[in-house]
Amino acid sequence: MTNPLQLSLVKEDGTKRNIIIEPVLERNDKKGLQNSGAFRIYKDAFGDESTLFTEPLETTQPNTRMPDSSNPDYLGEIIFDGQSNWAYHGDLLSLDEQKQAATYILRY
């Protein structure tokens, strides 16, 4: 998976949590960009008909990305080891929500 995607997780109380899963990409000289196995998770306003930009930036300017620790929409990160094992780094998603997100990433 090389593009962000939107997903709706079902919380334990039956309500939904809308999220964005953003793959962390690495630059590979031969293949361009490739998946690193890490995926950042953010809150999403799914119902507002928002769409994600999935085209690479055409700039040489330095990245001015907001640190995750300062981003109120940051929910954590899921990291895969290359063998379908994963770990969640964060404290805002329940175990069931983590499993839903990880399962979706594996299927995607």
PDB file of N, CA and C in Angstrom:
ATOM      1  N   MET A   1       0.856  -1.173   0.000  1.00  0.00           N
ATOM      2  CA  MET A   1       0.000   0.000   0.000  1.00  0.00           C
ATOM      3  C   MET A   1       0.902   1.236   0.000  1.00  0.00           C
ATOM      4  N   THR A   2       0.725   2.091  -0.989  1.00  0.00           N
ATOM      5  CA  THR A   2       1.553   3.290  -1.067  1.00  0.00           C
ATOM      6  C   THR A   2       0.748   4.582  -0.967  1.00  0.00           C
ATOM      7  N   ASN A   3      -0.569   4.502  -1.007  1.00  0.00           N
ATOM      8  CA  ASN A   3      -1.415   5.685  -0.870  1.00  0.00           C
ATOM      9  C   ASN A   3      -2.194   5.630   0.439  1.00  0.00           C
ATOM     10  N   PRO A   4      -2.486   6.787   1.036  1.00  0.00           N
ATOM     11  CA  PRO A   4      -3.332   6.796   2.232  1.00  0.00           C
ATOM     12  C   PRO A   4      -4.722   6.285   1.891  1.00  0.00           C
ATOM     13  N   LEU A   5      -5.406   5.786   2.906  1.00  0.00           N
ATOM     14  CA  LEU A   5      -6.779   5.357   2.692  1.00  0.00           C
ATOM     15  C   LEU A   5      -7.640   5.735   3.881  1.00  0.00           C
ATOM     16  N   GLN A   6      -8.926   5.828   3.635  1.00  0.00           N
ATOM     17  CA  GLN A   6      -9.898   6.151   4.667  1.00  0.00           C
ATOM     18  C   GLN A   6     -10.625   4.880   5.065  1.00  0.00           C
ATOM     19  N   LEU A   7     -10.896   4.750   6.357  1.00  0.00           N
ATOM     20  CA  LEU A   7     -11.517   3.544   6.890  1.00  0.00           C
ATOM     21  C   LEU A   7     -12.408   3.933   8.055  1.00  0.00           C
ATOM     22  N   SER A   8     -13.474   3.199   8.222  1.00  0.00           N
ATOM     23  CA  SER A   8     -14.374   3.400   9.348  1.00  0.00           C
ATOM     24  C   SER A   8     -14.287   2.171  10.250  1.00  0.00           C
ATOM     25  N   LEU A   9     -13.784   2.349  11.482  1.00  0.00           N
ATOM     26  CA  LEU A   9     -13.686   1.259  12.449  1.00  0.00           C
ATOM     27  C   LEU A   9     -14.930   1.211  13.305  1.00  0.00           C
ATOM     28  N   VAL A  10     -15.322   0.022  13.732  1.00  0.00           N
ATOM     29  CA  VAL A  10     -16.460  -0.127  14.630  1.00  0.00           C
ATOM     30  C   VAL A  10     -15.917  -0.224  16.048  1.00  0.00           C
ATOM     31  N   LYS A  11     -16.313   0.737  16.897  1.00  0.00           N
ATOM     32  CA  LYS A  11     -15.859   0.753  18.282  1.00  0.00           C
ATOM     33  C   LYS A  11     -16.656  -0.272  19.095  1.00  0.00           C
ATOM     34  N   GLU A  12     -16.201  -0.547  20.315  1.00  0.00           N
ATOM     35  CA  GLU A  12     -16.831  -1.556  21.167  1.00  0.00           C
ATOM     36  C   GLU A  12     -18.290  -1.237  21.484  1.00  0.00           C
ATOM     37  N   ASP A  13     -18.658   0.048  21.507  1.00  0.00           N
ATOM     38  CA  ASP A  13     -20.037   0.428  21.795  1.00  0.00           C
ATOM     39  C   ASP A  13     -20.917   0.461  20.547  1.00  0.00           C
ATOM     40  N   GLY A  14     -20.364   0.051  19.396  1.00  0.00           N
ATOM     41  CA  GLY A  14     -21.128  -0.005  18.155  1.00  0.00           C
ATOM     42  C   GLY A  14     -21.035   1.257  17.309  1.00  0.00           C
ATOM     43  N   THR A  15     -20.490   2.326  17.850  1.00  0.00           N
ATOM     44  CA  THR A  15     -20.328   3.552  17.066  1.00  0.00           C
ATOM     45  C   THR A  15     -19.104   3.401  16.162  1.00  0.00           C
ATOM     46  N   LYS A  16     -18.953   4.343  15.247  1.00  0.00           N
ATOM     47  CA  LYS A  16     -17.847   4.264  14.291  1.00  0.00           C
ATOM     48  C   LYS A  16     -16.795   5.325  14.575  1.00  0.00           C
ATOM     49  N   ARG A  17     -15.560   4.962  14.305  1.00  0.00           N
ATOM     50  CA  ARG A  17     -14.439   5.906  14.372  1.00  0.00           C
ATOM     51  C   ARG A  17     -13.854   5.958  12.966  1.00  0.00           C
ATOM     52  N   ASN A  18     -13.877   7.140  12.373  1.00  0.00           N
ATOM     53  CA  ASN A  18     -13.344   7.328  11.027  1.00  0.00           C
ATOM     54  C   ASN A  18     -11.863   7.670  11.119  1.00  0.00           C
ATOM     55  N   ILE A  19     -11.059   6.964  10.340  1.00  0.00           N
ATOM     56  CA  ILE A  19      -9.614   7.159  10.396  1.00  0.00           C
ATOM     57  C   ILE A  19      -9.012   7.267   9.003  1.00  0.00           C
ATOM     58  N   ILE A  20      -7.806   7.798   8.972  1.00  0.00           N
ATOM     59  CA  ILE A  20      -6.959   7.783   7.781  1.00  0.00           C
ATOM     60  C   ILE A  20      -5.743   6.939   8.130  1.00  0.00           C
ATOM     61  N   ILE A  21      -5.405   6.005   7.264  1.00  0.00           N
ATOM     62  CA  ILE A  21      -4.192   5.207   7.427  1.00  0.00           C
ATOM     63  C   ILE A  21      -3.200   5.697   6.383  1.00  0.00           C
ATOM     64  N   GLU A  22      -2.075   6.200   6.863  1.00  0.00           N
ATOM     65  CA  GLU A  22      -1.058   6.761   5.971  1.00  0.00           C
ATOM     66  C   GLU A  22       0.184   5.874   5.999  1.00  0.00           C
ATOM     67  N   PRO A  23       0.546   5.264   4.880  1.00  0.00           N
ATOM     68  CA  PRO A  23       1.768   4.449   4.860  1.00  0.00           C
ATOM     69  C   PRO A  23       2.998   5.340   4.973  1.00  0.00           C
ATOM     70  N   VAL A  24       3.986   4.879   5.705  1.00  0.00           N
ATOM     71  CA  VAL A  24       5.272   5.575   5.782  1.00  0.00           C
ATOM     72  C   VAL A  24       6.143   4.979   4.682  1.00  0.00           C
ATOM     73  N   LEU A  25       6.510   5.803   3.720  1.00  0.00           N
ATOM     74  CA  LEU A  25       7.249   5.332   2.551  1.00  0.00           C
ATOM     75  C   LEU A  25       8.743   5.621   2.694  1.00  0.00           C
ATOM     76  N   GLU A  26       9.545   4.740   2.087  1.00  0.00           N
ATOM     77  CA  GLU A  26      10.993   4.921   2.034  1.00  0.00           C
ATOM     78  C   GLU A  26      11.407   5.084   0.585  1.00  0.00           C
ATOM     79  N   ARG A  27      12.424   5.890   0.368  1.00  0.00           N
ATOM     80  CA  ARG A  27      12.930   6.073  -0.991  1.00  0.00           C
ATOM     81  C   ARG A  27      13.951   4.976  -1.284  1.00  0.00           C
ATOM     82  N   ASN A  28      13.739   4.298  -2.406  1.00  0.00           N
ATOM     83  CA  ASN A  28      14.643   3.258  -2.857  1.00  0.00           C
ATOM     84  C   ASN A  28      15.169   3.699  -4.212  1.00  0.00           C
ATOM     85  N   ASP A  29      16.462   3.766  -4.366  1.00  0.00           N
ATOM     86  CA  ASP A  29      17.050   4.283  -5.606  1.00  0.00           C
ATOM     87  C   ASP A  29      16.567   3.561  -6.851  1.00  0.00           C
ATOM     88  N   LYS A  30      16.347   2.263  -6.760  1.00  0.00           N
ATOM     89  CA  LYS A  30      15.962   1.491  -7.935  1.00  0.00           C
ATOM     90  C   LYS A  30      14.456   1.489  -8.178  1.00  0.00           C
ATOM     91  N   LYS A  31      13.652   1.488  -7.116  1.00  0.00           N
ATOM     92  CA  LYS A  31      12.210   1.349  -7.273  1.00  0.00           C
ATOM     93  C   LYS A  31      11.438   2.621  -6.959  1.00  0.00           C
ATOM     94  N   GLY A  32      12.081   3.690  -6.599  1.00  0.00           N
ATOM     95  CA  GLY A  32      11.364   4.900  -6.211  1.00  0.00           C
ATOM     96  C   GLY A  32      10.926   4.801  -4.765  1.00  0.00           C
ATOM     97  N   LEU A  33       9.645   4.972  -4.511  1.00  0.00           N
ATOM     98  CA  LEU A  33       9.119   4.883  -3.156  1.00  0.00           C
ATOM     99  C   LEU A  33       8.574   3.492  -2.891  1.00  0.00           C
ATOM    100  N   GLN A  34       8.822   2.980  -1.669  1.00  0.00           N
ATOM    101  CA  GLN A  34       8.279   1.684  -1.291  1.00  0.00           C
ATOM    102  C   GLN A  34       7.802   1.740   0.158  1.00  0.00           C
ATOM    103  N   ASN A  35       6.925   0.837   0.498  1.00  0.00           N
ATOM    104  CA  ASN A  35       6.355   0.762   1.828  1.00  0.00           C
ATOM    105  C   ASN A  35       7.412   0.339   2.835  1.00  0.00           C
ATOM    106  N   SER A  36       7.431   0.987   4.005  1.00  0.00           N
ATOM    107  CA  SER A  36       8.400   0.670   5.050  1.00  0.00           C
ATOM    108  C   SER A  36       7.866  -0.351   6.054  1.00  0.00           C
ATOM    109  N   GLY A  37       6.556  -0.621   6.010  1.00  0.00           N
ATOM    110  CA  GLY A  37       5.943  -1.513   6.992  1.00  0.00           C
ATOM    111  C   GLY A  37       5.315  -0.766   8.153  1.00  0.00           C
ATOM    112  N   ALA A  38       5.448   0.557   8.166  1.00  0.00           N
ATOM    113  CA  ALA A  38       4.853   1.388   9.217  1.00  0.00           C
ATOM    114  C   ALA A  38       3.676   2.173   8.630  1.00  0.00           C
ATOM    115  N   PHE A  39       2.635   2.336   9.445  1.00  0.00           N
ATOM    116  CA  PHE A  39       1.427   3.031   9.005  1.00  0.00           C
ATOM    117  C   PHE A  39       0.964   3.951  10.123  1.00  0.00           C
ATOM    118  N   ARG A  40       0.879   5.249   9.837  1.00  0.00           N
ATOM    119  CA  ARG A  40       0.383   6.226  10.818  1.00  0.00           C
ATOM    120  C   ARG A  40      -1.134   6.291  10.715  1.00  0.00           C
ATOM    121  N   ILE A  41      -1.769   6.483  11.861  1.00  0.00           N
ATOM    122  CA  ILE A  41      -3.222   6.516  11.909  1.00  0.00           C
ATOM    123  C   ILE A  41      -3.673   7.868  12.465  1.00  0.00           C
ATOM    124  N   TYR A  42      -4.626   8.490  11.748  1.00  0.00           N
ATOM    125  CA  TYR A  42      -5.139   9.799  12.126  1.00  0.00           C
ATOM    126  C   TYR A  42      -6.665   9.768  12.163  1.00  0.00           C
ATOM    127  N   LYS A  43      -7.257  10.670  12.953  1.00  0.00           N
ATOM    128  CA  LYS A  43      -8.704  10.863  12.925  1.00  0.00           C
ATOM    129  C   LYS A  43      -9.086  11.402  11.551  1.00  0.00           C
ATOM    130  N   ASP A  44     -10.320  11.110  11.136  1.00  0.00           N
ATOM    131  CA  ASP A  44     -10.799  11.590   9.842  1.00  0.00           C
ATOM    132  C   ASP A  44     -12.226  12.087   9.989  1.00  0.00           C
ATOM    133  N   ALA A  45     -12.582  13.103   9.219  1.00  0.00           N
ATOM    134  CA  ALA A  45     -13.951  13.609   9.160  1.00  0.00           C
ATOM    135  C   ALA A  45     -14.628  12.973   7.952  1.00  0.00           C
ATOM    136  N   PHE A  46     -14.788  11.662   7.985  1.00  0.00           N
ATOM    137  CA  PHE A  46     -15.281  10.840   6.879  1.00  0.00           C
ATOM    138  C   PHE A  46     -16.561  11.374   6.255  1.00  0.00           C
ATOM    139  N   GLY A  47     -17.486  11.842   7.078  1.00  0.00           N
ATOM    140  CA  GLY A  47     -18.791  12.255   6.578  1.00  0.00           C
ATOM    141  C   GLY A  47     -18.814  13.568   5.852  1.00  0.00           C
ATOM    142  N   ASP A  48     -17.700  14.294   5.838  1.00  0.00           N
ATOM    143  CA  ASP A  48     -17.720  15.614   5.197  1.00  0.00           C
ATOM    144  C   ASP A  48     -17.331  15.569   3.726  1.00  0.00           C
ATOM    145  N   GLU A  49     -17.347  14.355   3.140  1.00  0.00           N
ATOM    146  CA  GLU A  49     -17.036  14.174   1.721  1.00  0.00           C
ATOM    147  C   GLU A  49     -15.609  14.596   1.387  1.00  0.00           C
ATOM    148  N   SER A  50     -14.710  14.514   2.361  1.00  0.00           N
ATOM    149  CA  SER A  50     -13.320  14.858   2.078  1.00  0.00           C
ATOM    150  C   SER A  50     -12.671  13.757   1.248  1.00  0.00           C
ATOM    151  N   THR A  51     -11.656  14.141   0.482  1.00  0.00           N
ATOM    152  CA  THR A  51     -10.897  13.163  -0.298  1.00  0.00           C
ATOM    153  C   THR A  51      -9.421  13.375  -0.015  1.00  0.00           C
ATOM    154  N   LEU A  52      -8.652  12.339  -0.182  1.00  0.00           N
ATOM    155  CA  LEU A  52      -7.229  12.399   0.104  1.00  0.00           C
ATOM    156  C   LEU A  52      -6.445  12.731  -1.150  1.00  0.00           C
ATOM    157  N   PHE A  53      -5.351  13.483  -0.976  1.00  0.00           N
ATOM    158  CA  PHE A  53      -4.414  13.714  -2.063  1.00  0.00           C
ATOM    159  C   PHE A  53      -3.478  12.517  -2.096  1.00  0.00           C
ATOM    160  N   THR A  54      -3.387  11.860  -3.222  1.00  0.00           N
ATOM    161  CA  THR A  54      -2.545  10.670  -3.305  1.00  0.00           C
ATOM    162  C   THR A  54      -1.423  10.815  -4.327  1.00  0.00           C
ATOM    163  N   GLU A  55      -1.305  11.964  -4.926  1.00  0.00           N
ATOM    164  CA  GLU A  55      -0.237  12.197  -5.894  1.00  0.00           C
ATOM    165  C   GLU A  55       1.011  12.665  -5.169  1.00  0.00           C
ATOM    166  N   PRO A  56       2.190  12.225  -5.603  1.00  0.00           N
ATOM    167  CA  PRO A  56       3.418  12.693  -4.960  1.00  0.00           C
ATOM    168  C   PRO A  56       3.624  14.183  -5.187  1.00  0.00           C
ATOM    169  N   LEU A  57       4.258  14.835  -4.216  1.00  0.00           N
ATOM    170  CA  LEU A  57       4.551  16.255  -4.355  1.00  0.00           C
ATOM    171  C   LEU A  57       5.606  16.468  -5.423  1.00  0.00           C
ATOM    172  N   GLU A  58       5.466  17.544  -6.158  1.00  0.00           N
ATOM    173  CA  GLU A  58       6.448  17.876  -7.183  1.00  0.00           C
ATOM    174  C   GLU A  58       7.243  19.082  -6.703  1.00  0.00           C
ATOM    175  N   THR A  59       7.990  18.881  -5.628  1.00  0.00           N
ATOM    176  CA  THR A  59       8.761  19.970  -5.059  1.00  0.00           C
ATOM    177  C   THR A  59      10.072  19.437  -4.515  1.00  0.00           C
ATOM    178  N   THR A  60      11.024  20.328  -4.424  1.00  0.00           N
ATOM    179  CA  THR A  60      12.294  19.969  -3.802  1.00  0.00           C
ATOM    180  C   THR A  60      12.432  20.644  -2.444  1.00  0.00           C
ATOM    181  N   GLN A  61      11.369  21.296  -2.006  1.00  0.00           N
ATOM    182  CA  GLN A  61      11.384  21.985  -0.725  1.00  0.00           C
ATOM    183  C   GLN A  61      11.437  20.967   0.412  1.00  0.00           C
ATOM    184  N   PRO A  62      12.047  21.325   1.543  1.00  0.00           N
ATOM    185  CA  PRO A  62      12.104  20.392   2.677  1.00  0.00           C
ATOM    186  C   PRO A  62      10.709  20.114   3.233  1.00  0.00           C
ATOM    187  N   ASN A  63      10.566  18.955   3.824  1.00  0.00           N
ATOM    188  CA  ASN A  63       9.301  18.541   4.409  1.00  0.00           C
ATOM    189  C   ASN A  63       9.036  19.348   5.675  1.00  0.00           C
ATOM    190  N   THR A  64       7.871  19.968   5.766  1.00  0.00           N
ATOM    191  CA  THR A  64       7.505  20.748   6.949  1.00  0.00           C
ATOM    192  C   THR A  64       6.392  20.047   7.713  1.00  0.00           C
ATOM    193  N   ARG A  65       6.417  18.745   7.729  1.00  0.00           N
ATOM    194  CA  ARG A  65       5.403  17.928   8.375  1.00  0.00           C
ATOM    195  C   ARG A  65       5.326  18.241   9.861  1.00  0.00           C
ATOM    196  N   MET A  66       4.094  18.356  10.382  1.00  0.00           N
ATOM    197  CA  MET A  66       3.878  18.595  11.799  1.00  0.00           C
ATOM    198  C   MET A  66       4.269  17.348  12.583  1.00  0.00           C
ATOM    199  N   PRO A  67       5.014  17.491  13.683  1.00  0.00           N
ATOM    200  CA  PRO A  67       5.347  16.314  14.484  1.00  0.00           C
ATOM    201  C   PRO A  67       4.080  15.650  15.032  1.00  0.00           C
ATOM    202  N   ASP A  68       4.070  14.334  15.038  1.00  0.00           N
ATOM    203  CA  ASP A  68       2.888  13.613  15.509  1.00  0.00           C
ATOM    204  C   ASP A  68       2.521  13.992  16.934  1.00  0.00           C
ATOM    205  N   SER A  69       3.502  14.265  17.770  1.00  0.00           N
ATOM    206  CA  SER A  69       3.226  14.625  19.166  1.00  0.00           C
ATOM    207  C   SER A  69       2.443  15.933  19.281  1.00  0.00           C
ATOM    208  N   SER A  70       2.484  16.773  18.249  1.00  0.00           N
ATOM    209  CA  SER A  70       1.752  18.051  18.247  1.00  0.00           C
ATOM    210  C   SER A  70       0.433  17.973  17.491  1.00  0.00           C
ATOM    211  N   ASN A  71       0.177  16.875  16.835  1.00  0.00           N
ATOM    212  CA  ASN A  71      -1.010  16.741  15.988  1.00  0.00           C
ATOM    213  C   ASN A  71      -2.159  16.133  16.791  1.00  0.00           C
ATOM    214  N   PRO A  72      -3.234  16.895  17.035  1.00  0.00           N
ATOM    215  CA  PRO A  72      -4.349  16.353  17.821  1.00  0.00           C
ATOM    216  C   PRO A  72      -5.123  15.239  17.122  1.00  0.00           C
ATOM    217  N   ASP A  73      -4.903  15.063  15.827  1.00  0.00           N
ATOM    218  CA  ASP A  73      -5.588  14.008  15.081  1.00  0.00           C
ATOM    219  C   ASP A  73      -4.799  12.705  15.032  1.00  0.00           C
ATOM    220  N   TYR A  74      -3.603  12.688  15.563  1.00  0.00           N
ATOM    221  CA  TYR A  74      -2.749  11.495  15.517  1.00  0.00           C
ATOM    222  C   TYR A  74      -3.240  10.468  16.534  1.00  0.00           C
ATOM    223  N   LEU A  75      -3.480   9.236  16.052  1.00  0.00           N
ATOM    224  CA  LEU A  75      -3.989   8.164  16.914  1.00  0.00           C
ATOM    225  C   LEU A  75      -2.950   7.078  17.197  1.00  0.00           C
ATOM    226  N   GLY A  76      -1.812   7.118  16.534  1.00  0.00           N
ATOM    227  CA  GLY A  76      -0.784   6.110  16.772  1.00  0.00           C
ATOM    228  C   GLY A  76      -0.243   5.563  15.466  1.00  0.00           C
ATOM    229  N   GLU A  77       0.497   4.463  15.587  1.00  0.00           N
ATOM    230  CA  GLU A  77       1.162   3.874  14.441  1.00  0.00           C
ATOM    231  C   GLU A  77       1.125   2.350  14.565  1.00  0.00           C
ATOM    232  N   ILE A  78       0.893   1.687  13.440  1.00  0.00           N
ATOM    233  CA  ILE A  78       0.967   0.228  13.383  1.00  0.00           C
ATOM    234  C   ILE A  78       2.186  -0.116  12.540  1.00  0.00           C
ATOM    235  N   ILE A  79       3.019  -1.005  13.072  1.00  0.00           N
ATOM    236  CA  ILE A  79       4.239  -1.410  12.377  1.00  0.00           C
ATOM    237  C   ILE A  79       4.204  -2.914  12.151  1.00  0.00           C
ATOM    238  N   PHE A  80       4.429  -3.318  10.899  1.00  0.00           N
ATOM    239  CA  PHE A  80       4.482  -4.730  10.516  1.00  0.00           C
ATOM    240  C   PHE A  80       5.933  -5.157  10.400  1.00  0.00           C
ATOM    241  N   ASP A  81       6.215  -6.424  10.729  1.00  0.00           N
ATOM    242  CA  ASP A  81       7.586  -6.938  10.667  1.00  0.00           C
ATOM    243  C   ASP A  81       7.892  -7.655   9.358  1.00  0.00           C
ATOM    244  N   GLY A  82       6.986  -7.652   8.408  1.00  0.00           N
ATOM    245  CA  GLY A  82       7.204  -8.333   7.135  1.00  0.00           C
ATOM    246  C   GLY A  82       6.655  -9.740   7.106  1.00  0.00           C
ATOM    247  N   GLN A  83       6.167 -10.242   8.240  1.00  0.00           N
ATOM    248  CA  GLN A  83       5.614 -11.593   8.311  1.00  0.00           C
ATOM    249  C   GLN A  83       4.202 -11.582   8.890  1.00  0.00           C
ATOM    250  N   SER A  84       3.464 -10.537   8.674  1.00  0.00           N
ATOM    251  CA  SER A  84       2.081 -10.379   9.138  1.00  0.00           C
ATOM    252  C   SER A  84       1.959 -10.159  10.642  1.00  0.00           C
ATOM    253  N   ASN A  85       3.074 -10.055  11.363  1.00  0.00           N
ATOM    254  CA  ASN A  85       3.031  -9.684  12.773  1.00  0.00           C
ATOM    255  C   ASN A  85       3.050  -8.171  12.849  1.00  0.00           C
ATOM    256  N   TRP A  86       2.311  -7.609  13.807  1.00  0.00           N
ATOM    257  CA  TRP A  86       2.242  -6.167  13.898  1.00  0.00           C
ATOM    258  C   TRP A  86       2.254  -5.731  15.356  1.00  0.00           C
ATOM    259  N   ALA A  87       2.595  -4.457  15.558  1.00  0.00           N
ATOM    260  CA  ALA A  87       2.580  -3.844  16.878  1.00  0.00           C
ATOM    261  C   ALA A  87       1.985  -2.451  16.740  1.00  0.00           C
ATOM    262  N   TYR A  88       1.174  -2.071  17.708  1.00  0.00           N
ATOM    263  CA  TYR A  88       0.561  -0.743  17.740  1.00  0.00           C
ATOM    264  C   TYR A  88       1.327   0.110  18.735  1.00  0.00           C
ATOM    265  N   HIS A  89       1.702   1.297  18.311  1.00  0.00           N
ATOM    266  CA  HIS A  89       2.365   2.255  19.198  1.00  0.00           C
ATOM    267  C   HIS A  89       1.425   3.440  19.367  1.00  0.00           C
ATOM    268  N   GLY A  90       0.811   3.509  20.510  1.00  0.00           N
ATOM    269  CA  GLY A  90      -0.157   4.548  20.823  1.00  0.00           C
ATOM    270  C   GLY A  90      -1.031   4.058  21.963  1.00  0.00           C
ATOM    271  N   ASP A  91      -1.970   4.898  22.373  1.00  0.00           N
ATOM    272  CA  ASP A  91      -2.849   4.496  23.472  1.00  0.00           C
ATOM    273  C   ASP A  91      -4.298   4.933  23.267  1.00  0.00           C
ATOM    274  N   LEU A  92      -4.658   5.288  22.050  1.00  0.00           N
ATOM    275  CA  LEU A  92      -6.015   5.790  21.805  1.00  0.00           C
ATOM    276  C   LEU A  92      -6.946   4.797  21.125  1.00  0.00           C
ATOM    277  N   LEU A  93      -6.416   3.768  20.481  1.00  0.00           N
ATOM    278  CA  LEU A  93      -7.264   2.766  19.834  1.00  0.00           C
ATOM    279  C   LEU A  93      -7.393   1.549  20.746  1.00  0.00           C
ATOM    280  N   SER A  94      -8.596   0.999  20.823  1.00  0.00           N
ATOM    281  CA  SER A  94      -8.801  -0.238  21.584  1.00  0.00           C
ATOM    282  C   SER A  94      -8.128  -1.391  20.831  1.00  0.00           C
ATOM    283  N   LEU A  95      -7.961  -2.503  21.516  1.00  0.00           N
ATOM    284  CA  LEU A  95      -7.349  -3.669  20.873  1.00  0.00           C
ATOM    285  C   LEU A  95      -8.167  -4.110  19.662  1.00  0.00           C
ATOM    286  N   ASP A  96      -9.492  -4.076  19.776  1.00  0.00           N
ATOM    287  CA  ASP A  96     -10.337  -4.467  18.647  1.00  0.00           C
ATOM    288  C   ASP A  96     -10.166  -3.508  17.465  1.00  0.00           C
ATOM    289  N   GLU A  97     -10.072  -2.205  17.735  1.00  0.00           N
ATOM    290  CA  GLU A  97      -9.852  -1.238  16.651  1.00  0.00           C
ATOM    291  C   GLU A  97      -8.485  -1.450  16.004  1.00  0.00           C
ATOM    292  N   GLN A  98      -7.476  -1.766  16.803  1.00  0.00           N
ATOM    293  CA  GLN A  98      -6.145  -2.053  16.271  1.00  0.00           C
ATOM    294  C   GLN A  98      -6.206  -3.249  15.323  1.00  0.00           C
ATOM    295  N   LYS A  99      -6.920  -4.302  15.755  1.00  0.00           N
ATOM    296  CA  LYS A  99      -7.036  -5.511  14.927  1.00  0.00           C
ATOM    297  C   LYS A  99      -7.755  -5.213  13.614  1.00  0.00           C
ATOM    298  N   GLN A 100      -8.821  -4.395  13.670  1.00  0.00           N
ATOM    299  CA  GLN A 100      -9.549  -4.046  12.451  1.00  0.00           C
ATOM    300  C   GLN A 100      -8.637  -3.312  11.474  1.00  0.00           C
ATOM    301  N   ALA A 101      -7.878  -2.346  11.976  1.00  0.00           N
ATOM    302  CA  ALA A 101      -6.991  -1.568  11.110  1.00  0.00           C
ATOM    303  C   ALA A 101      -5.888  -2.454  10.535  1.00  0.00           C
ATOM    304  N   ALA A 102      -5.271  -3.295  11.370  1.00  0.00           N
ATOM    305  CA  ALA A 102      -4.193  -4.160  10.911  1.00  0.00           C
ATOM    306  C   ALA A 102      -4.704  -5.169   9.869  1.00  0.00           C
ATOM    307  N   THR A 103      -5.879  -5.734  10.103  1.00  0.00           N
ATOM    308  CA  THR A 103      -6.459  -6.682   9.164  1.00  0.00           C
ATOM    309  C   THR A 103      -6.725  -6.009   7.822  1.00  0.00           C
ATOM    310  N   TYR A 104      -7.244  -4.785   7.848  1.00  0.00           N
ATOM    311  CA  TYR A 104      -7.528  -4.069   6.616  1.00  0.00           C
ATOM    312  C   TYR A 104      -6.231  -3.784   5.848  1.00  0.00           C
ATOM    313  N   ILE A 105      -5.190  -3.377   6.556  1.00  0.00           N
ATOM    314  CA  ILE A 105      -3.915  -3.101   5.898  1.00  0.00           C
ATOM    315  C   ILE A 105      -3.374  -4.366   5.230  1.00  0.00           C
ATOM    316  N   LEU A 106      -3.456  -5.483   5.929  1.00  0.00           N
ATOM    317  CA  LEU A 106      -2.957  -6.754   5.371  1.00  0.00           C
ATOM    318  C   LEU A 106      -3.734  -7.166   4.114  1.00  0.00           C
ATOM    319  N   ARG A 107      -5.029  -6.918   4.114  1.00  0.00           N
ATOM    320  CA  ARG A 107      -5.856  -7.289   2.961  1.00  0.00           C
ATOM    321  C   ARG A 107      -5.663  -6.332   1.812  1.00  0.00           C
ATOM    322  N   TYR A 108      -5.354  -5.076   2.093  1.00  0.00           N
ATOM    323  CA  TYR A 108      -5.229  -4.053   1.073  1.00  0.00           C
ATOM    324  C   TYR A 108      -3.959  -4.292   0.316  1.00  0.00           C
TER     325      TYR A 108
END
